[in-house]
Amino acid sequence: MRQASTGLPLGLGVAVAVLIADQLAKRLAIEMLDPYQPVALLPVLNLTLAFNPGAAFSLLADEGGWQRWALAAVALAVSAYLVHWLKTLPAVDRLQAVGLGGILGGALGNMVDRLWLGAVVDFIDLHVAGWHWPAFNVADSAITVGVGAVIVCVLRDHRRERRAQR
């Protein structure tokens, strides 16, 4: 008996592409930028090399170092769950597979930084009228877009279920 096709190959392909793009971009940022010295690209965009030992928005950044291992463990657990989700996802749900792959690749990209460098490498600095969004990277962008795609899919599926019940 042939096993049903899942979203795993597409999701893993996206995850690998995100991981590679993220790590290459971070290596270029480390090689080409001086830490915390902005390089203006556009009126609202700088490249600014920064290192975040904490979670999103530098949460836990001032802790004694335990957060490095705790956040890496969380990323590993989330990654395992995402692989399981991809295995159960029908292959026809391509948008959700792409979204989950983006989240997976982003989580792994930031986990690699934590394990090898002790901090996540950020370098994208968006700003308007003197207000700066916290610096971020390709992995963070992939996670954000991936979460958006998954939310769209969950809402779409919910609507389909409600219609089917009528």
N, C-alpha and C. Protein backbone atom coordinates (compact mmCIF):
# COMPACT_ATOMS: atom_id res chain seq x y z
N MET A 1 0.84 -1.18 0.00
CA MET A 1 0.00 0.00 0.00
C MET A 1 0.88 1.24 0.00
N ARG A 2 0.59 2.16 -0.88
CA ARG A 2 1.38 3.38 -1.00
C ARG A 2 0.94 4.40 0.04
N GLN A 3 1.94 5.02 0.67
CA GLN A 3 1.66 6.02 1.70
C GLN A 3 1.27 7.34 1.03
N ALA A 4 0.32 8.06 1.64
CA ALA A 4 -0.13 9.33 1.09
C ALA A 4 1.00 10.34 1.09
N SER A 5 1.04 11.16 0.07
CA SER A 5 2.05 12.21 -0.06
C SER A 5 1.79 13.31 0.98
N THR A 6 2.86 13.87 1.52
CA THR A 6 2.73 14.91 2.54
C THR A 6 3.42 16.19 2.08
N GLY A 7 3.30 17.21 2.91
CA GLY A 7 3.96 18.49 2.63
C GLY A 7 5.41 18.52 3.06
N LEU A 8 5.92 17.37 3.54
CA LEU A 8 7.29 17.33 4.07
C LEU A 8 8.36 17.72 3.05
N PRO A 9 8.37 17.16 1.84
CA PRO A 9 9.45 17.53 0.90
C PRO A 9 9.48 19.03 0.58
N LEU A 10 8.32 19.61 0.32
CA LEU A 10 8.27 21.05 0.01
C LEU A 10 8.69 21.87 1.23
N GLY A 11 8.15 21.53 2.40
CA GLY A 11 8.49 22.28 3.61
C GLY A 11 9.97 22.20 3.94
N LEU A 12 10.54 21.00 3.82
CA LEU A 12 11.97 20.86 4.10
C LEU A 12 12.82 21.59 3.06
N GLY A 13 12.38 21.58 1.82
CA GLY A 13 13.10 22.32 0.78
C GLY A 13 13.13 23.81 1.07
N VAL A 14 11.98 24.35 1.47
CA VAL A 14 11.91 25.77 1.85
C VAL A 14 12.79 26.02 3.06
N ALA A 15 12.73 25.15 4.05
CA ALA A 15 13.53 25.32 5.27
C ALA A 15 15.02 25.36 4.95
N VAL A 16 15.48 24.46 4.10
CA VAL A 16 16.90 24.42 3.73
C VAL A 16 17.28 25.70 2.98
N ALA A 17 16.41 26.14 2.06
CA ALA A 17 16.70 27.38 1.31
C ALA A 17 16.79 28.58 2.24
N VAL A 18 15.86 28.67 3.20
CA VAL A 18 15.88 29.77 4.17
C VAL A 18 17.14 29.70 5.03
N LEU A 19 17.47 28.51 5.51
CA LEU A 19 18.65 28.34 6.36
C LEU A 19 19.92 28.77 5.62
N ILE A 20 20.07 28.35 4.38
CA ILE A 20 21.25 28.71 3.60
C ILE A 20 21.29 30.22 3.33
N ALA A 21 20.17 30.79 2.90
CA ALA A 21 20.14 32.24 2.63
C ALA A 21 20.43 33.04 3.89
N ASP A 22 19.84 32.61 5.00
CA ASP A 22 20.04 33.30 6.27
C ASP A 22 21.51 33.27 6.69
N GLN A 23 22.11 32.10 6.67
CA GLN A 23 23.50 31.97 7.12
C GLN A 23 24.45 32.71 6.18
N LEU A 24 24.20 32.67 4.88
CA LEU A 24 25.05 33.42 3.94
C LEU A 24 24.94 34.92 4.18
N ALA A 25 23.71 35.41 4.36
CA ALA A 25 23.51 36.84 4.60
C ALA A 25 24.19 37.28 5.90
N LYS A 26 24.09 36.46 6.93
CA LYS A 26 24.72 36.79 8.21
C LYS A 26 26.24 36.78 8.10
N ARG A 27 26.79 35.83 7.36
CA ARG A 27 28.26 35.80 7.18
C ARG A 27 28.73 37.03 6.42
N LEU A 28 27.98 37.43 5.40
CA LEU A 28 28.33 38.65 4.67
C LEU A 28 28.25 39.87 5.59
N ALA A 29 27.22 39.94 6.40
CA ALA A 29 27.08 41.07 7.33
C ALA A 29 28.26 41.12 8.29
N ILE A 30 28.65 39.98 8.82
CA ILE A 30 29.79 39.93 9.76
C ILE A 30 31.08 40.36 9.06
N GLU A 31 31.26 39.93 7.83
CA GLU A 31 32.49 40.26 7.09
C GLU A 31 32.54 41.71 6.61
N MET A 32 31.39 42.28 6.28
CA MET A 32 31.38 43.58 5.61
C MET A 32 30.97 44.76 6.48
N LEU A 33 30.37 44.50 7.64
CA LEU A 33 29.87 45.59 8.48
C LEU A 33 30.62 45.64 9.80
N ASP A 34 30.79 46.85 10.31
CA ASP A 34 31.33 47.03 11.66
C ASP A 34 30.15 47.01 12.64
N PRO A 35 30.32 46.33 13.77
CA PRO A 35 29.22 46.25 14.72
C PRO A 35 28.67 47.61 15.13
N TYR A 36 27.35 47.70 15.08
CA TYR A 36 26.59 48.86 15.56
C TYR A 36 26.91 50.16 14.82
N GLN A 37 27.47 50.06 13.60
CA GLN A 37 27.75 51.23 12.76
C GLN A 37 26.82 51.17 11.55
N PRO A 38 25.76 51.99 11.52
CA PRO A 38 24.79 51.89 10.44
C PRO A 38 25.36 52.29 9.07
N VAL A 39 24.92 51.56 8.07
CA VAL A 39 25.23 51.88 6.68
C VAL A 39 23.89 52.12 6.00
N ALA A 40 23.65 53.38 5.58
CA ALA A 40 22.36 53.74 4.98
C ALA A 40 22.24 53.16 3.58
N LEU A 41 21.12 52.48 3.33
CA LEU A 41 20.81 51.97 1.99
C LEU A 41 19.68 52.77 1.36
N LEU A 42 18.66 53.06 2.14
CA LEU A 42 17.50 53.83 1.71
C LEU A 42 17.14 54.78 2.85
N PRO A 43 16.29 55.76 2.60
CA PRO A 43 15.92 56.67 3.68
C PRO A 43 15.30 55.98 4.90
N VAL A 44 14.79 54.76 4.73
CA VAL A 44 14.16 54.04 5.84
C VAL A 44 14.85 52.72 6.16
N LEU A 45 16.02 52.49 5.55
CA LEU A 45 16.68 51.19 5.71
C LEU A 45 18.19 51.35 5.86
N ASN A 46 18.70 50.82 6.97
CA ASN A 46 20.13 50.73 7.20
C ASN A 46 20.52 49.26 7.31
N LEU A 47 21.78 49.00 7.07
CA LEU A 47 22.38 47.73 7.47
C LEU A 47 23.19 48.05 8.72
N THR A 48 22.87 47.38 9.81
CA THR A 48 23.55 47.62 11.08
C THR A 48 23.79 46.27 11.75
N LEU A 49 25.05 45.88 11.83
CA LEU A 49 25.40 44.60 12.45
C LEU A 49 25.18 44.67 13.96
N ALA A 50 24.38 43.74 14.47
CA ALA A 50 24.09 43.68 15.90
C ALA A 50 24.05 42.22 16.32
N PHE A 51 24.29 41.99 17.59
CA PHE A 51 24.29 40.63 18.15
C PHE A 51 23.30 40.59 19.29
N ASN A 52 22.32 39.71 19.20
CA ASN A 52 21.26 39.62 20.21
C ASN A 52 21.39 38.29 20.96
N PRO A 53 21.85 38.33 22.21
CA PRO A 53 21.95 37.09 22.99
C PRO A 53 20.61 36.63 23.56
N GLY A 54 19.57 37.45 23.42
CA GLY A 54 18.26 37.12 23.97
C GLY A 54 17.30 36.62 22.92
N ALA A 55 16.03 36.72 23.24
CA ALA A 55 14.95 36.32 22.33
C ALA A 55 14.52 37.54 21.53
N ALA A 56 13.35 37.47 20.94
CA ALA A 56 12.82 38.58 20.15
C ALA A 56 12.82 39.87 20.97
N PHE A 57 13.16 40.95 20.31
CA PHE A 57 13.21 42.28 20.94
C PHE A 57 14.17 42.31 22.13
N SER A 58 15.19 41.47 22.09
CA SER A 58 16.23 41.38 23.13
C SER A 58 15.71 40.94 24.49
N LEU A 59 14.55 40.32 24.51
CA LEU A 59 14.02 39.77 25.75
C LEU A 59 15.01 38.75 26.30
N LEU A 60 15.34 38.81 27.54
CA LEU A 60 16.29 37.94 28.24
C LEU A 60 17.76 38.20 27.87
N ALA A 61 18.04 39.26 27.16
CA ALA A 61 19.41 39.53 26.69
C ALA A 61 20.39 39.74 27.83
N ASP A 62 19.92 40.25 28.96
CA ASP A 62 20.82 40.57 30.06
C ASP A 62 20.97 39.45 31.08
N GLU A 63 20.51 38.26 30.74
CA GLU A 63 20.63 37.12 31.65
C GLU A 63 22.07 36.60 31.62
N GLY A 64 22.37 35.65 32.45
CA GLY A 64 23.75 35.19 32.63
C GLY A 64 24.28 34.22 31.60
N GLY A 65 23.54 33.89 30.59
CA GLY A 65 24.00 32.96 29.57
C GLY A 65 23.16 31.71 29.44
N TRP A 66 22.35 31.42 30.47
CA TRP A 66 21.49 30.24 30.41
C TRP A 66 20.51 30.32 29.26
N GLN A 67 20.13 31.58 28.86
CA GLN A 67 19.13 31.76 27.82
C GLN A 67 19.60 31.22 26.47
N ARG A 68 20.92 31.21 26.26
CA ARG A 68 21.47 30.67 25.00
C ARG A 68 21.01 29.24 24.81
N TRP A 69 21.18 28.43 25.85
CA TRP A 69 20.86 27.01 25.77
C TRP A 69 19.36 26.78 25.84
N ALA A 70 18.66 27.55 26.64
CA ALA A 70 17.21 27.40 26.74
C ALA A 70 16.53 27.76 25.43
N LEU A 71 16.95 28.87 24.82
CA LEU A 71 16.34 29.29 23.56
C LEU A 71 16.70 28.33 22.43
N ALA A 72 17.91 27.78 22.45
CA ALA A 72 18.28 26.78 21.45
C ALA A 72 17.44 25.52 21.62
N ALA A 73 17.18 25.12 22.86
CA ALA A 73 16.36 23.94 23.12
C ALA A 73 14.92 24.18 22.66
N VAL A 74 14.40 25.37 22.90
CA VAL A 74 13.05 25.70 22.43
C VAL A 74 13.01 25.64 20.90
N ALA A 75 14.02 26.19 20.24
CA ALA A 75 14.06 26.16 18.77
C ALA A 75 14.10 24.72 18.26
N LEU A 76 14.85 23.87 18.93
CA LEU A 76 14.94 22.47 18.53
C LEU A 76 13.59 21.76 18.72
N ALA A 77 12.93 22.01 19.83
CA ALA A 77 11.62 21.41 20.09
C ALA A 77 10.58 21.89 19.08
N VAL A 78 10.56 23.19 18.82
CA VAL A 78 9.64 23.75 17.82
C VAL A 78 9.93 23.16 16.45
N SER A 79 11.19 23.02 16.11
CA SER A 79 11.57 22.45 14.82
C SER A 79 11.08 21.01 14.68
N ALA A 80 11.22 20.22 15.73
CA ALA A 80 10.73 18.84 15.70
C ALA A 80 9.22 18.81 15.50
N TYR A 81 8.51 19.70 16.18
CA TYR A 81 7.06 19.76 16.01
C TYR A 81 6.69 20.17 14.58
N LEU A 82 7.42 21.13 14.02
CA LEU A 82 7.12 21.58 12.66
C LEU A 82 7.35 20.46 11.64
N VAL A 83 8.38 19.66 11.83
CA VAL A 83 8.62 18.52 10.95
C VAL A 83 7.45 17.53 11.07
N HIS A 84 7.00 17.27 12.28
CA HIS A 84 5.84 16.39 12.48
C HIS A 84 4.61 16.96 11.77
N TRP A 85 4.37 18.26 11.91
CA TRP A 85 3.23 18.92 11.27
C TRP A 85 3.32 18.76 9.76
N LEU A 86 4.51 18.97 9.22
CA LEU A 86 4.70 18.82 7.77
C LEU A 86 4.41 17.39 7.31
N LYS A 87 4.77 16.41 8.13
CA LYS A 87 4.50 15.00 7.79
C LYS A 87 3.01 14.71 7.72
N THR A 88 2.22 15.40 8.53
CA THR A 88 0.77 15.15 8.56
C THR A 88 0.01 16.04 7.59
N LEU A 89 0.67 16.99 6.98
CA LEU A 89 0.03 17.95 6.09
C LEU A 89 -0.13 17.36 4.70
N PRO A 90 -1.33 17.43 4.13
CA PRO A 90 -1.50 16.93 2.76
C PRO A 90 -0.61 17.71 1.78
N ALA A 91 -0.07 17.02 0.80
CA ALA A 91 0.84 17.65 -0.17
C ALA A 91 0.16 18.78 -0.95
N VAL A 92 -1.16 18.73 -1.07
CA VAL A 92 -1.86 19.77 -1.83
C VAL A 92 -1.89 21.10 -1.08
N ASP A 93 -1.62 21.09 0.21
CA ASP A 93 -1.62 22.34 0.98
C ASP A 93 -0.25 22.99 0.90
N ARG A 94 0.07 23.45 -0.30
CA ARG A 94 1.41 23.98 -0.59
C ARG A 94 1.70 25.27 0.18
N LEU A 95 0.73 26.17 0.29
CA LEU A 95 0.98 27.43 1.00
C LEU A 95 1.34 27.17 2.45
N GLN A 96 0.62 26.26 3.08
CA GLN A 96 0.93 25.97 4.49
C GLN A 96 2.29 25.27 4.61
N ALA A 97 2.62 24.40 3.66
CA ALA A 97 3.94 23.75 3.69
C ALA A 97 5.05 24.78 3.53
N VAL A 98 4.85 25.74 2.64
CA VAL A 98 5.84 26.80 2.46
C VAL A 98 5.96 27.63 3.74
N GLY A 99 4.83 27.98 4.34
CA GLY A 99 4.85 28.75 5.58
C GLY A 99 5.56 28.02 6.70
N LEU A 100 5.22 26.74 6.88
CA LEU A 100 5.88 25.95 7.93
C LEU A 100 7.37 25.79 7.64
N GLY A 101 7.72 25.63 6.37
CA GLY A 101 9.13 25.55 6.00
C GLY A 101 9.88 26.84 6.30
N GLY A 102 9.23 27.99 6.08
CA GLY A 102 9.85 29.27 6.42
C GLY A 102 10.10 29.41 7.91
N ILE A 103 9.11 29.00 8.70
CA ILE A 103 9.26 29.05 10.16
C ILE A 103 10.39 28.11 10.60
N LEU A 104 10.40 26.91 10.04
CA LEU A 104 11.41 25.92 10.39
C LEU A 104 12.81 26.41 10.03
N GLY A 105 12.98 26.89 8.81
CA GLY A 105 14.29 27.39 8.38
C GLY A 105 14.75 28.57 9.20
N GLY A 106 13.83 29.47 9.54
CA GLY A 106 14.18 30.62 10.38
C GLY A 106 14.57 30.22 11.79
N ALA A 107 13.81 29.29 12.36
CA ALA A 107 14.14 28.81 13.72
C ALA A 107 15.52 28.16 13.74
N LEU A 108 15.80 27.35 12.71
CA LEU A 108 17.11 26.69 12.66
C LEU A 108 18.23 27.69 12.40
N GLY A 109 17.98 28.69 11.56
CA GLY A 109 19.00 29.70 11.29
C GLY A 109 19.41 30.46 12.54
N ASN A 110 18.43 30.85 13.34
CA ASN A 110 18.74 31.56 14.58
C ASN A 110 19.34 30.62 15.62
N MET A 111 18.92 29.35 15.61
CA MET A 111 19.50 28.37 16.54
C MET A 111 20.99 28.16 16.23
N VAL A 112 21.35 28.10 14.96
CA VAL A 112 22.75 27.94 14.58
C VAL A 112 23.58 29.09 15.16
N ASP A 113 23.08 30.30 15.03
CA ASP A 113 23.79 31.46 15.60
C ASP A 113 23.98 31.32 17.11
N ARG A 114 22.91 30.95 17.79
CA ARG A 114 22.99 30.82 19.26
C ARG A 114 24.04 29.80 19.66
N LEU A 115 24.05 28.65 18.97
CA LEU A 115 24.98 27.59 19.34
C LEU A 115 26.41 27.94 18.99
N TRP A 116 26.65 28.55 17.83
CA TRP A 116 28.02 28.83 17.39
C TRP A 116 28.56 30.15 17.91
N LEU A 117 27.70 31.16 18.02
CA LEU A 117 28.18 32.49 18.39
C LEU A 117 27.72 32.95 19.76
N GLY A 118 26.73 32.30 20.32
CA GLY A 118 26.18 32.73 21.60
C GLY A 118 25.18 33.85 21.48
N ALA A 119 24.88 34.29 20.27
CA ALA A 119 23.93 35.38 20.02
C ALA A 119 23.46 35.29 18.57
N VAL A 120 22.27 35.82 18.32
CA VAL A 120 21.73 35.85 16.96
C VAL A 120 22.27 37.10 16.26
N VAL A 121 22.71 36.91 15.02
CA VAL A 121 23.22 38.01 14.21
C VAL A 121 22.05 38.71 13.53
N ASP A 122 21.90 40.01 13.79
CA ASP A 122 20.88 40.83 13.14
C ASP A 122 21.59 41.91 12.34
N PHE A 123 20.95 42.37 11.26
CA PHE A 123 21.60 43.40 10.45
C PHE A 123 20.65 44.28 9.66
N ILE A 124 19.37 43.97 9.64
CA ILE A 124 18.40 44.80 8.92
C ILE A 124 17.79 45.77 9.91
N ASP A 125 17.91 47.06 9.60
CA ASP A 125 17.49 48.13 10.51
C ASP A 125 16.50 49.03 9.77
N LEU A 126 15.21 48.85 10.02
CA LEU A 126 14.17 49.71 9.45
C LEU A 126 13.90 50.86 10.41
N HIS A 127 13.73 52.06 9.84
CA HIS A 127 13.49 53.22 10.70
C HIS A 127 12.67 54.27 9.96
N VAL A 128 11.91 55.02 10.76
CA VAL A 128 11.09 56.11 10.22
C VAL A 128 11.09 57.23 11.25
N ALA A 129 11.40 58.43 10.82
CA ALA A 129 11.33 59.62 11.68
C ALA A 129 12.06 59.42 13.01
N GLY A 130 13.23 58.80 12.97
CA GLY A 130 14.02 58.60 14.17
C GLY A 130 13.63 57.40 15.00
N TRP A 131 12.55 56.70 14.64
CA TRP A 131 12.12 55.51 15.35
C TRP A 131 12.64 54.28 14.63
N HIS A 132 13.34 53.40 15.33
CA HIS A 132 13.93 52.20 14.73
C HIS A 132 13.21 50.96 15.22
N TRP A 133 12.81 50.13 14.27
CA TRP A 133 12.31 48.81 14.61
C TRP A 133 13.52 48.02 15.10
N PRO A 134 13.36 47.09 16.03
CA PRO A 134 14.53 46.29 16.44
C PRO A 134 15.16 45.58 15.23
N ALA A 135 16.47 45.56 15.19
CA ALA A 135 17.19 44.94 14.07
C ALA A 135 16.76 43.47 13.95
N PHE A 136 16.74 43.00 12.70
CA PHE A 136 16.34 41.62 12.45
C PHE A 136 17.17 41.05 11.31
N ASN A 137 16.82 39.84 10.86
CA ASN A 137 17.61 39.15 9.86
C ASN A 137 16.71 38.36 8.91
N VAL A 138 17.31 37.60 8.00
CA VAL A 138 16.55 36.81 7.03
C VAL A 138 15.70 35.76 7.75
N ALA A 139 16.25 35.10 8.77
CA ALA A 139 15.50 34.09 9.51
C ALA A 139 14.25 34.69 10.15
N ASP A 140 14.40 35.84 10.77
CA ASP A 140 13.25 36.50 11.39
C ASP A 140 12.18 36.83 10.35
N SER A 141 12.62 37.29 9.17
CA SER A 141 11.69 37.61 8.09
C SER A 141 10.95 36.36 7.63
N ALA A 142 11.66 35.25 7.48
CA ALA A 142 11.05 34.00 7.04
C ALA A 142 10.04 33.50 8.08
N ILE A 143 10.38 33.64 9.35
CA ILE A 143 9.44 33.24 10.41
C ILE A 143 8.17 34.09 10.33
N THR A 144 8.33 35.39 10.17
CA THR A 144 7.18 36.29 10.11
C THR A 144 6.28 35.98 8.91
N VAL A 145 6.88 35.84 7.74
CA VAL A 145 6.11 35.52 6.54
C VAL A 145 5.48 34.13 6.67
N GLY A 146 6.23 33.18 7.23
CA GLY A 146 5.71 31.84 7.43
C GLY A 146 4.51 31.81 8.35
N VAL A 147 4.59 32.53 9.46
CA VAL A 147 3.46 32.60 10.39
C VAL A 147 2.25 33.22 9.68
N GLY A 148 2.47 34.26 8.90
CA GLY A 148 1.38 34.87 8.13
C GLY A 148 0.72 33.87 7.20
N ALA A 149 1.53 33.08 6.49
CA ALA A 149 0.98 32.07 5.58
C ALA A 149 0.18 31.02 6.33
N VAL A 150 0.68 30.57 7.47
CA VAL A 150 -0.03 29.56 8.26
C VAL A 150 -1.35 30.13 8.77
N ILE A 151 -1.34 31.37 9.22
CA ILE A 151 -2.59 32.00 9.69
C ILE A 151 -3.60 32.08 8.56
N VAL A 152 -3.18 32.47 7.37
CA VAL A 152 -4.08 32.51 6.21
C VAL A 152 -4.68 31.13 5.97
N CYS A 153 -3.86 30.10 6.03
CA CYS A 153 -4.33 28.73 5.80
C CYS A 153 -5.30 28.27 6.87
N VAL A 154 -5.01 28.57 8.11
CA VAL A 154 -5.90 28.17 9.20
C VAL A 154 -7.25 28.87 9.05
N LEU A 155 -7.23 30.16 8.74
CA LEU A 155 -8.49 30.89 8.53
C LEU A 155 -9.25 30.35 7.32
N ARG A 156 -8.53 30.05 6.25
CA ARG A 156 -9.14 29.48 5.04
C ARG A 156 -9.81 28.15 5.38
N ASP A 157 -9.10 27.29 6.10
CA ASP A 157 -9.65 25.98 6.45
C ASP A 157 -10.85 26.11 7.38
N HIS A 158 -10.79 27.06 8.29
CA HIS A 158 -11.92 27.30 9.19
C HIS A 158 -13.16 27.71 8.40
N ARG A 159 -12.97 28.60 7.43
CA ARG A 159 -14.10 29.02 6.58
C ARG A 159 -14.67 27.85 5.80
N ARG A 160 -13.78 27.01 5.28
CA ARG A 160 -14.25 25.84 4.52
C ARG A 160 -15.08 24.91 5.42
N GLU A 161 -14.61 24.70 6.64
CA GLU A 161 -15.33 23.84 7.57
C GLU A 161 -16.70 24.41 7.91
N ARG A 162 -16.76 25.71 8.11
CA ARG A 162 -18.04 26.34 8.43
C ARG A 162 -19.02 26.23 7.27
N ARG A 163 -18.51 26.40 6.04
CA ARG A 163 -19.37 26.26 4.86
C ARG A 163 -19.88 24.84 4.72
N ALA A 164 -19.01 23.87 4.99
CA ALA A 164 -19.37 22.46 4.86
C ALA A 164 -20.44 22.07 5.88
N GLN A 165 -20.48 22.73 7.02
CA GLN A 165 -21.46 22.42 8.06
C GLN A 165 -22.83 22.97 7.74
N ARG A 166 -22.90 23.91 6.83
CA ARG A 166 -24.20 24.54 6.51
C ARG A 166 -25.05 23.66 5.66
